[in-house]
PDB file of N, CA and C in Angstrom:
ATOM      1  N   MET A   1      25.215  36.797   3.253  1.00  0.00           N
ATOM      2  CA  MET A   1      24.789  36.133   2.046  1.00  0.00           C
ATOM      3  C   MET A   1      23.515  35.336   2.336  1.00  0.00           C
ATOM      4  N   LEU A   2      22.553  35.496   1.476  1.00  0.00           N
ATOM      5  CA  LEU A   2      21.288  34.792   1.634  1.00  0.00           C
ATOM      6  C   LEU A   2      21.247  33.576   0.716  1.00  0.00           C
ATOM      7  N   LYS A   3      20.668  32.506   1.239  1.00  0.00           N
ATOM      8  CA  LYS A   3      20.496  31.302   0.425  1.00  0.00           C
ATOM      9  C   LYS A   3      19.240  31.448  -0.428  1.00  0.00           C
ATOM     10  N   THR A   4      19.270  30.821  -1.575  1.00  0.00           N
ATOM     11  CA  THR A   4      18.049  30.792  -2.377  1.00  0.00           C
ATOM     12  C   THR A   4      17.125  29.726  -1.797  1.00  0.00           C
ATOM     13  N   PRO A   5      15.838  29.985  -1.760  1.00  0.00           N
ATOM     14  CA  PRO A   5      14.917  29.002  -1.168  1.00  0.00           C
ATOM     15  C   PRO A   5      14.868  27.717  -1.990  1.00  0.00           C
ATOM     16  N   ALA A   6      14.714  26.614  -1.290  1.00  0.00           N
ATOM     17  CA  ALA A   6      14.625  25.308  -1.956  1.00  0.00           C
ATOM     18  C   ALA A   6      13.303  25.225  -2.711  1.00  0.00           C
ATOM     19  N   PRO A   7      13.296  24.595  -3.867  1.00  0.00           N
ATOM     20  CA  PRO A   7      12.045  24.472  -4.623  1.00  0.00           C
ATOM     21  C   PRO A   7      11.040  23.607  -3.865  1.00  0.00           C
ATOM     22  N   GLU A   8       9.772  23.968  -3.968  1.00  0.00           N
ATOM     23  CA  GLU A   8       8.725  23.210  -3.288  1.00  0.00           C
ATOM     24  C   GLU A   8       8.264  22.055  -4.167  1.00  0.00           C
ATOM     25  N   GLN A   9       7.915  20.973  -3.523  1.00  0.00           N
ATOM     26  CA  GLN A   9       7.413  19.818  -4.261  1.00  0.00           C
ATOM     27  C   GLN A   9       5.924  20.032  -4.519  1.00  0.00           C
ATOM     28  N   THR A  10       5.527  19.985  -5.761  1.00  0.00           N
ATOM     29  CA  THR A  10       4.124  20.223  -6.092  1.00  0.00           C
ATOM     30  C   THR A  10       3.443  19.009  -6.710  1.00  0.00           C
ATOM     31  N   ALA A  11       4.188  18.000  -7.083  1.00  0.00           N
ATOM     32  CA  ALA A  11       3.590  16.822  -7.723  1.00  0.00           C
ATOM     33  C   ALA A  11       3.121  15.830  -6.666  1.00  0.00           C
ATOM     34  N   LEU A  12       1.986  15.193  -6.928  1.00  0.00           N
ATOM     35  CA  LEU A  12       1.432  14.192  -6.031  1.00  0.00           C
ATOM     36  C   LEU A  12       1.030  12.986  -6.866  1.00  0.00           C
ATOM     37  N   GLU A  13       1.451  11.813  -6.440  1.00  0.00           N
ATOM     38  CA  GLU A  13       1.132  10.600  -7.190  1.00  0.00           C
ATOM     39  C   GLU A  13       0.415   9.625  -6.272  1.00  0.00           C
ATOM     40  N   MET A  14      -0.743   9.159  -6.699  1.00  0.00           N
ATOM     41  CA  MET A  14      -1.516   8.192  -5.928  1.00  0.00           C
ATOM     42  C   MET A  14      -1.161   6.792  -6.424  1.00  0.00           C
ATOM     43  N   VAL A  15      -0.770   5.905  -5.502  1.00  0.00           N
ATOM     44  CA  VAL A  15      -0.373   4.544  -5.857  1.00  0.00           C
ATOM     45  C   VAL A  15      -1.160   3.581  -4.982  1.00  0.00           C
ATOM     46  N   THR A  16      -1.680   2.520  -5.582  1.00  0.00           N
ATOM     47  CA  THR A  16      -2.372   1.484  -4.829  1.00  0.00           C
ATOM     48  C   THR A  16      -1.580   0.183  -4.910  1.00  0.00           C
ATOM     49  N   LEU A  17      -1.797  -0.687  -3.946  1.00  0.00           N
ATOM     50  CA  LEU A  17      -1.110  -1.979  -3.966  1.00  0.00           C
ATOM     51  C   LEU A  17      -1.534  -2.799  -5.183  1.00  0.00           C
ATOM     52  N   ASP A  18      -2.789  -2.667  -5.589  1.00  0.00           N
ATOM     53  CA  ASP A  18      -3.254  -3.400  -6.772  1.00  0.00           C
ATOM     54  C   ASP A  18      -2.477  -3.009  -8.016  1.00  0.00           C
ATOM     55  N   SER A  19      -2.069  -1.761  -8.102  1.00  0.00           N
ATOM     56  CA  SER A  19      -1.319  -1.333  -9.284  1.00  0.00           C
ATOM     57  C   SER A  19       0.143  -1.788  -9.234  1.00  0.00           C
ATOM     58  N   LEU A  20       0.627  -2.161  -8.058  1.00  0.00           N
ATOM     59  CA  LEU A  20       2.022  -2.580  -7.915  1.00  0.00           C
ATOM     60  C   LEU A  20       2.220  -4.084  -8.096  1.00  0.00           C
ATOM     61  N   VAL A  21       1.178  -4.872  -7.809  1.00  0.00           N
ATOM     62  CA  VAL A  21       1.282  -6.331  -7.898  1.00  0.00           C
ATOM     63  C   VAL A  21       0.748  -6.780  -9.257  1.00  0.00           C
ATOM     64  N   PRO A  22       1.538  -7.519 -10.030  1.00  0.00           N
ATOM     65  CA  PRO A  22       1.088  -7.982 -11.346  1.00  0.00           C
ATOM     66  C   PRO A  22      -0.163  -8.855 -11.245  1.00  0.00           C
ATOM     67  N   LYS A  23      -0.996  -8.830 -12.284  1.00  0.00           N
ATOM     68  CA  LYS A  23      -2.258  -9.589 -12.290  1.00  0.00           C
ATOM     69  C   LYS A  23      -2.026 -11.092 -12.192  1.00  0.00           C
ATOM     70  N   ASP A  24      -0.903 -11.593 -12.691  1.00  0.00           N
ATOM     71  CA  ASP A  24      -0.646 -13.034 -12.673  1.00  0.00           C
ATOM     72  C   ASP A  24       0.277 -13.458 -11.533  1.00  0.00           C
ATOM     73  N   HIS A  25       0.417 -12.641 -10.505  1.00  0.00           N
ATOM     74  CA  HIS A  25       1.296 -12.943  -9.373  1.00  0.00           C
ATOM     75  C   HIS A  25       0.727 -14.099  -8.557  1.00  0.00           C
ATOM     76  N   LEU A  26       1.591 -14.924  -8.012  1.00  0.00           N
ATOM     77  CA  LEU A  26       1.190 -16.101  -7.242  1.00  0.00           C
ATOM     78  C   LEU A  26       0.289 -15.732  -6.061  1.00  0.00           C
ATOM     79  N   LEU A  27       0.580 -14.649  -5.369  1.00  0.00           N
ATOM     80  CA  LEU A  27      -0.227 -14.277  -4.205  1.00  0.00           C
ATOM     81  C   LEU A  27      -1.655 -13.898  -4.590  1.00  0.00           C
ATOM     82  N   ARG A  28      -1.847 -13.355  -5.772  1.00  0.00           N
ATOM     83  CA  ARG A  28      -3.214 -13.065  -6.233  1.00  0.00           C
ATOM     84  C   ARG A  28      -3.980 -14.369  -6.454  1.00  0.00           C
ATOM     85  N   LYS A  29      -3.307 -15.386  -6.986  1.00  0.00           N
ATOM     86  CA  LYS A  29      -3.950 -16.682  -7.216  1.00  0.00           C
ATOM     87  C   LYS A  29      -4.312 -17.337  -5.886  1.00  0.00           C
ATOM     88  N   ILE A  30      -3.421 -17.251  -4.911  1.00  0.00           N
ATOM     89  CA  ILE A  30      -3.686 -17.819  -3.586  1.00  0.00           C
ATOM     90  C   ILE A  30      -4.859 -17.097  -2.937  1.00  0.00           C
ATOM     91  N   ASP A  31      -4.897 -15.787  -3.036  1.00  0.00           N
ATOM     92  CA  ASP A  31      -5.968 -14.993  -2.436  1.00  0.00           C
ATOM     93  C   ASP A  31      -7.323 -15.348  -3.040  1.00  0.00           C
ATOM     94  N   ALA A  32      -7.349 -15.682  -4.317  1.00  0.00           N
ATOM     95  CA  ALA A  32      -8.606 -16.025  -4.981  1.00  0.00           C
ATOM     96  C   ALA A  32      -9.131 -17.387  -4.534  1.00  0.00           C
ATOM     97  N   VAL A  33      -8.244 -18.281  -4.098  1.00  0.00           N
ATOM     98  CA  VAL A  33      -8.640 -19.652  -3.773  1.00  0.00           C
ATOM     99  C   VAL A  33      -8.910 -19.850  -2.282  1.00  0.00           C
ATOM    100  N   ILE A  34      -8.138 -19.221  -1.423  1.00  0.00           N
ATOM    101  CA  ILE A  34      -8.226 -19.458   0.020  1.00  0.00           C
ATOM    102  C   ILE A  34      -9.158 -18.443   0.670  1.00  0.00           C
ATOM    103  N   ASP A  35     -10.011 -18.929   1.580  1.00  0.00           N
ATOM    104  CA  ASP A  35     -10.929 -18.066   2.321  1.00  0.00           C
ATOM    105  C   ASP A  35     -10.242 -17.611   3.608  1.00  0.00           C
ATOM    106  N   PHE A  36      -9.876 -16.338   3.652  1.00  0.00           N
ATOM    107  CA  PHE A  36      -9.175 -15.802   4.816  1.00  0.00           C
ATOM    108  C   PHE A  36     -10.129 -15.199   5.848  1.00  0.00           C
ATOM    109  N   SER A  37     -11.432 -15.351   5.670  1.00  0.00           N
ATOM    110  CA  SER A  37     -12.390 -14.735   6.588  1.00  0.00           C
ATOM    111  C   SER A  37     -12.393 -15.398   7.964  1.00  0.00           C
ATOM    112  N   ILE A  38     -11.796 -16.576   8.098  1.00  0.00           N
ATOM    113  CA  ILE A  38     -11.765 -17.239   9.402  1.00  0.00           C
ATOM    114  C   ILE A  38     -10.797 -16.552  10.358  1.00  0.00           C
ATOM    115  N   HIS A  39      -9.898 -15.751   9.818  1.00  0.00           N
ATOM    116  CA  HIS A  39      -8.936 -15.049  10.658  1.00  0.00           C
ATOM    117  C   HIS A  39      -9.551 -13.770  11.192  1.00  0.00           C
ATOM    118  N   SER A  40      -9.205 -13.439  12.416  1.00  0.00           N
ATOM    119  CA  SER A  40      -9.771 -12.249  13.049  1.00  0.00           C
ATOM    120  C   SER A  40      -9.088 -10.984  12.551  1.00  0.00           C
ATOM    121  N   SER A  41      -9.542  -9.879  13.087  1.00  0.00           N
ATOM    122  CA  SER A  41      -8.927  -8.594  12.760  1.00  0.00           C
ATOM    123  C   SER A  41      -7.499  -8.563  13.300  1.00  0.00           C
ATOM    124  N   PRO A  42      -6.719  -7.526  13.000  1.00  0.00           N
ATOM    125  CA  PRO A  42      -5.313  -7.487  13.417  1.00  0.00           C
ATOM    126  C   PRO A  42      -5.073  -7.619  14.921  1.00  0.00           C
ATOM    127  N   GLY A  43      -6.090  -7.449  15.740  1.00  0.00           N
ATOM    128  CA  GLY A  43      -5.880  -7.628  17.174  1.00  0.00           C
ATOM    129  C   GLY A  43      -6.528  -6.536  17.994  1.00  0.00           C
ATOM    130  N   ARG A  44      -6.159  -6.508  19.256  1.00  0.00           N
ATOM    131  CA  ARG A  44      -6.722  -5.508  20.160  1.00  0.00           C
ATOM    132  C   ARG A  44      -6.133  -4.142  19.874  1.00  0.00           C
ATOM    133  N   GLY A  45      -6.878  -3.137  20.256  1.00  0.00           N
ATOM    134  CA  GLY A  45      -6.379  -1.781  20.136  1.00  0.00           C
ATOM    135  C   GLY A  45      -5.354  -1.489  21.223  1.00  0.00           C
ATOM    136  N   ALA A  46      -4.697  -0.375  21.100  1.00  0.00           N
ATOM    137  CA  ALA A  46      -3.702   0.020  22.098  1.00  0.00           C
ATOM    138  C   ALA A  46      -4.386   0.368  23.416  1.00  0.00           C
ATOM    139  N   LEU A  47      -3.697   0.152  24.488  1.00  0.00           N
ATOM    140  CA  LEU A  47      -4.255   0.475  25.810  1.00  0.00           C
ATOM    141  C   LEU A  47      -4.161   1.938  26.103  1.00  0.00           C
TER     142      LEU A  47
END
């Protein structure tokens, strides 16, 4: 007995973090007021 092949997924959805966080969210307000440029990049690369 042969199995029927599983259907392939053909839909693709592009999602950004900006679209997930509401415009009036507290973190957006904090980001607009505080200057985070004093912090360095995430760190050293892997060895």
